[in-house]
Amino acid sequence: MSCYLRHLKPLLGELGIEPVNKEERKCVDQTVRAVVGKENEKMCAEVWMEVKVWLQDSKKKRQMVDALNKLKV
């Protein structure tokens, strides 16, 4: 699991997203990375730093929530 996904559990839970296997976690990870523009980032901590910024901004958070809501997890 990407290091930051555990921090997103409350948000994912609110959305009814509970990735239970490796493929589902990877799908959530790729979606989050795409939304925040860190698709090619190798360091999980760098992605998490950007995710935290997005979670503090209501418009950006809405974009992330909308993208996550489209997942079939």
N, C-alpha and C. Protein backbone atom coordinates (compact mmCIF):
# COMPACT_ATOMS: atom_id res chain seq x y z
N MET A 1 0.85 -1.18 0.00
CA MET A 1 0.00 0.00 0.00
C MET A 1 0.89 1.23 0.00
N SER A 2 0.51 2.22 -0.79
CA SER A 2 1.25 3.48 -0.77
C SER A 2 1.19 4.05 0.63
N CYS A 3 2.25 4.69 1.01
CA CYS A 3 2.38 5.16 2.39
C CYS A 3 1.25 6.11 2.80
N TYR A 4 0.72 6.86 1.87
CA TYR A 4 -0.28 7.86 2.24
C TYR A 4 -1.71 7.34 2.24
N LEU A 5 -1.98 6.19 1.63
CA LEU A 5 -3.35 5.71 1.56
C LEU A 5 -3.96 5.48 2.94
N ARG A 6 -3.14 5.09 3.89
CA ARG A 6 -3.67 4.88 5.24
C ARG A 6 -4.19 6.20 5.82
N HIS A 7 -3.59 7.31 5.43
CA HIS A 7 -4.04 8.62 5.90
C HIS A 7 -5.36 9.03 5.23
N LEU A 8 -5.65 8.43 4.09
CA LEU A 8 -6.88 8.75 3.36
C LEU A 8 -8.04 7.85 3.75
N LYS A 9 -7.81 6.90 4.66
CA LYS A 9 -8.88 5.97 5.05
C LYS A 9 -10.17 6.68 5.46
N PRO A 10 -10.12 7.74 6.28
CA PRO A 10 -11.38 8.42 6.64
C PRO A 10 -12.12 8.96 5.41
N LEU A 11 -11.40 9.60 4.51
CA LEU A 11 -12.01 10.15 3.30
C LEU A 11 -12.55 9.02 2.42
N LEU A 12 -11.75 8.00 2.22
CA LEU A 12 -12.18 6.87 1.40
C LEU A 12 -13.40 6.20 2.02
N GLY A 13 -13.40 6.08 3.34
CA GLY A 13 -14.54 5.47 4.03
C GLY A 13 -15.81 6.27 3.82
N GLU A 14 -15.71 7.59 3.87
CA GLU A 14 -16.87 8.45 3.63
C GLU A 14 -17.44 8.24 2.23
N LEU A 15 -16.55 7.89 1.30
CA LEU A 15 -16.95 7.70 -0.09
C LEU A 15 -17.37 6.26 -0.36
N GLY A 16 -17.24 5.41 0.65
CA GLY A 16 -17.59 4.00 0.49
C GLY A 16 -16.56 3.21 -0.29
N ILE A 17 -15.33 3.71 -0.28
CA ILE A 17 -14.23 3.04 -0.98
C ILE A 17 -13.37 2.34 0.05
N GLU A 18 -13.30 1.02 -0.07
CA GLU A 18 -12.47 0.24 0.84
C GLU A 18 -11.61 -0.70 0.02
N PRO A 19 -10.47 -0.20 -0.46
CA PRO A 19 -9.60 -1.06 -1.27
C PRO A 19 -9.03 -2.19 -0.42
N VAL A 20 -9.35 -3.42 -0.79
CA VAL A 20 -8.94 -4.55 0.04
C VAL A 20 -7.80 -5.36 -0.56
N ASN A 21 -7.59 -5.26 -1.85
CA ASN A 21 -6.50 -6.02 -2.43
C ASN A 21 -5.51 -5.09 -3.13
N LYS A 22 -4.43 -5.66 -3.55
CA LYS A 22 -3.34 -4.88 -4.15
C LYS A 22 -3.79 -4.10 -5.38
N GLU A 23 -4.61 -4.73 -6.21
CA GLU A 23 -5.07 -4.07 -7.43
C GLU A 23 -5.95 -2.86 -7.12
N GLU A 24 -6.82 -3.00 -6.14
CA GLU A 24 -7.70 -1.90 -5.76
C GLU A 24 -6.90 -0.75 -5.15
N ARG A 25 -5.94 -1.08 -4.30
CA ARG A 25 -5.09 -0.03 -3.72
C ARG A 25 -4.31 0.69 -4.80
N LYS A 26 -3.81 -0.07 -5.78
CA LYS A 26 -3.06 0.54 -6.87
C LYS A 26 -3.95 1.47 -7.69
N CYS A 27 -5.17 1.08 -7.91
CA CYS A 27 -6.13 1.90 -8.66
C CYS A 27 -6.39 3.23 -7.93
N VAL A 28 -6.60 3.15 -6.62
CA VAL A 28 -6.81 4.36 -5.82
C VAL A 28 -5.55 5.23 -5.88
N ASP A 29 -4.39 4.61 -5.70
CA ASP A 29 -3.12 5.33 -5.73
C ASP A 29 -2.94 6.04 -7.06
N GLN A 30 -3.17 5.35 -8.17
CA GLN A 30 -2.99 5.95 -9.50
C GLN A 30 -3.97 7.10 -9.72
N THR A 31 -5.18 6.95 -9.23
CA THR A 31 -6.17 8.01 -9.37
C THR A 31 -5.74 9.26 -8.60
N VAL A 32 -5.33 9.07 -7.37
CA VAL A 32 -4.89 10.20 -6.54
C VAL A 32 -3.68 10.87 -7.18
N ARG A 33 -2.71 10.08 -7.61
CA ARG A 33 -1.51 10.65 -8.24
C ARG A 33 -1.88 11.45 -9.49
N ALA A 34 -2.80 10.93 -10.29
CA ALA A 34 -3.20 11.64 -11.51
C ALA A 34 -3.87 12.96 -11.17
N VAL A 35 -4.73 12.95 -10.17
CA VAL A 35 -5.46 14.17 -9.79
C VAL A 35 -4.49 15.25 -9.32
N VAL A 36 -3.51 14.89 -8.51
CA VAL A 36 -2.61 15.89 -7.94
C VAL A 36 -1.39 16.15 -8.84
N GLY A 37 -1.33 15.47 -9.99
CA GLY A 37 -0.24 15.72 -10.93
C GLY A 37 1.08 15.11 -10.54
N LYS A 38 1.05 13.98 -9.85
CA LYS A 38 2.28 13.32 -9.41
C LYS A 38 2.36 11.89 -9.94
N GLU A 39 1.87 11.67 -11.17
CA GLU A 39 1.83 10.32 -11.73
C GLU A 39 3.20 9.66 -11.79
N ASN A 40 4.24 10.43 -12.06
CA ASN A 40 5.57 9.87 -12.25
C ASN A 40 6.46 9.98 -11.02
N GLU A 41 5.92 10.44 -9.93
CA GLU A 41 6.71 10.60 -8.71
C GLU A 41 6.98 9.23 -8.09
N LYS A 42 8.24 8.97 -7.78
CA LYS A 42 8.62 7.68 -7.19
C LYS A 42 8.52 7.70 -5.68
N MET A 43 8.70 8.84 -5.09
CA MET A 43 8.71 8.94 -3.63
C MET A 43 7.29 9.16 -3.11
N CYS A 44 6.82 8.21 -2.36
CA CYS A 44 5.47 8.27 -1.80
C CYS A 44 5.29 9.53 -0.94
N ALA A 45 6.31 9.89 -0.20
CA ALA A 45 6.23 11.06 0.68
C ALA A 45 5.98 12.33 -0.12
N GLU A 46 6.53 12.42 -1.31
CA GLU A 46 6.31 13.60 -2.16
C GLU A 46 4.85 13.68 -2.60
N VAL A 47 4.28 12.53 -2.92
CA VAL A 47 2.88 12.50 -3.32
C VAL A 47 2.02 12.93 -2.13
N TRP A 48 2.30 12.38 -0.96
CA TRP A 48 1.52 12.71 0.24
C TRP A 48 1.60 14.19 0.54
N MET A 49 2.76 14.81 0.38
CA MET A 49 2.88 16.25 0.63
C MET A 49 1.92 17.04 -0.26
N GLU A 50 1.81 16.63 -1.51
CA GLU A 50 0.90 17.32 -2.44
C GLU A 50 -0.56 17.01 -2.11
N VAL A 51 -0.84 15.77 -1.74
CA VAL A 51 -2.21 15.38 -1.37
C VAL A 51 -2.68 16.22 -0.19
N LYS A 52 -1.82 16.42 0.80
CA LYS A 52 -2.19 17.23 1.97
C LYS A 52 -2.59 18.64 1.56
N VAL A 53 -1.86 19.21 0.62
CA VAL A 53 -2.19 20.55 0.11
C VAL A 53 -3.57 20.53 -0.52
N TRP A 54 -3.85 19.50 -1.31
CA TRP A 54 -5.14 19.39 -1.98
C TRP A 54 -6.28 19.22 -0.98
N LEU A 55 -6.04 18.50 0.07
CA LEU A 55 -7.09 18.27 1.07
C LEU A 55 -7.44 19.54 1.85
N GLN A 56 -6.54 20.51 1.88
CA GLN A 56 -6.77 21.76 2.60
C GLN A 56 -7.53 22.78 1.76
N ASP A 57 -7.61 22.55 0.46
CA ASP A 57 -8.28 23.46 -0.47
C ASP A 57 -9.61 22.83 -0.88
N SER A 58 -10.72 23.47 -0.60
CA SER A 58 -12.02 22.86 -0.83
C SER A 58 -12.28 22.53 -2.31
N LYS A 59 -11.85 23.39 -3.23
CA LYS A 59 -12.05 23.11 -4.65
C LYS A 59 -11.21 21.92 -5.11
N LYS A 60 -9.96 21.90 -4.67
CA LYS A 60 -9.08 20.80 -5.05
C LYS A 60 -9.56 19.50 -4.41
N LYS A 61 -10.00 19.57 -3.17
CA LYS A 61 -10.50 18.37 -2.50
C LYS A 61 -11.71 17.83 -3.25
N ARG A 62 -12.59 18.71 -3.72
CA ARG A 62 -13.76 18.29 -4.48
C ARG A 62 -13.34 17.58 -5.75
N GLN A 63 -12.29 18.07 -6.43
CA GLN A 63 -11.79 17.41 -7.63
C GLN A 63 -11.32 15.99 -7.31
N MET A 64 -10.61 15.86 -6.19
CA MET A 64 -10.12 14.55 -5.79
C MET A 64 -11.28 13.62 -5.45
N VAL A 65 -12.26 14.12 -4.72
CA VAL A 65 -13.43 13.33 -4.34
C VAL A 65 -14.19 12.90 -5.59
N ASP A 66 -14.37 13.80 -6.53
CA ASP A 66 -15.08 13.47 -7.77
C ASP A 66 -14.36 12.36 -8.53
N ALA A 67 -13.04 12.45 -8.62
CA ALA A 67 -12.27 11.41 -9.32
C ALA A 67 -12.37 10.08 -8.59
N LEU A 68 -12.29 10.11 -7.27
CA LEU A 68 -12.38 8.87 -6.49
C LEU A 68 -13.76 8.26 -6.58
N ASN A 69 -14.79 9.10 -6.65
CA ASN A 69 -16.16 8.59 -6.76
C ASN A 69 -16.39 7.82 -8.06
N LYS A 70 -15.58 8.07 -9.04
CA LYS A 70 -15.73 7.38 -10.33
C LYS A 70 -15.12 5.98 -10.32
N LEU A 71 -14.36 5.67 -9.27
CA LEU A 71 -13.73 4.35 -9.18
C LEU A 71 -14.75 3.28 -8.91
N LYS A 72 -14.48 2.12 -9.40
CA LYS A 72 -15.34 0.95 -9.15
C LYS A 72 -14.59 0.01 -8.18
N VAL A 73 -14.36 0.48 -6.98
CA VAL A 73 -13.62 -0.33 -5.98
C VAL A 73 -14.60 -0.86 -4.97
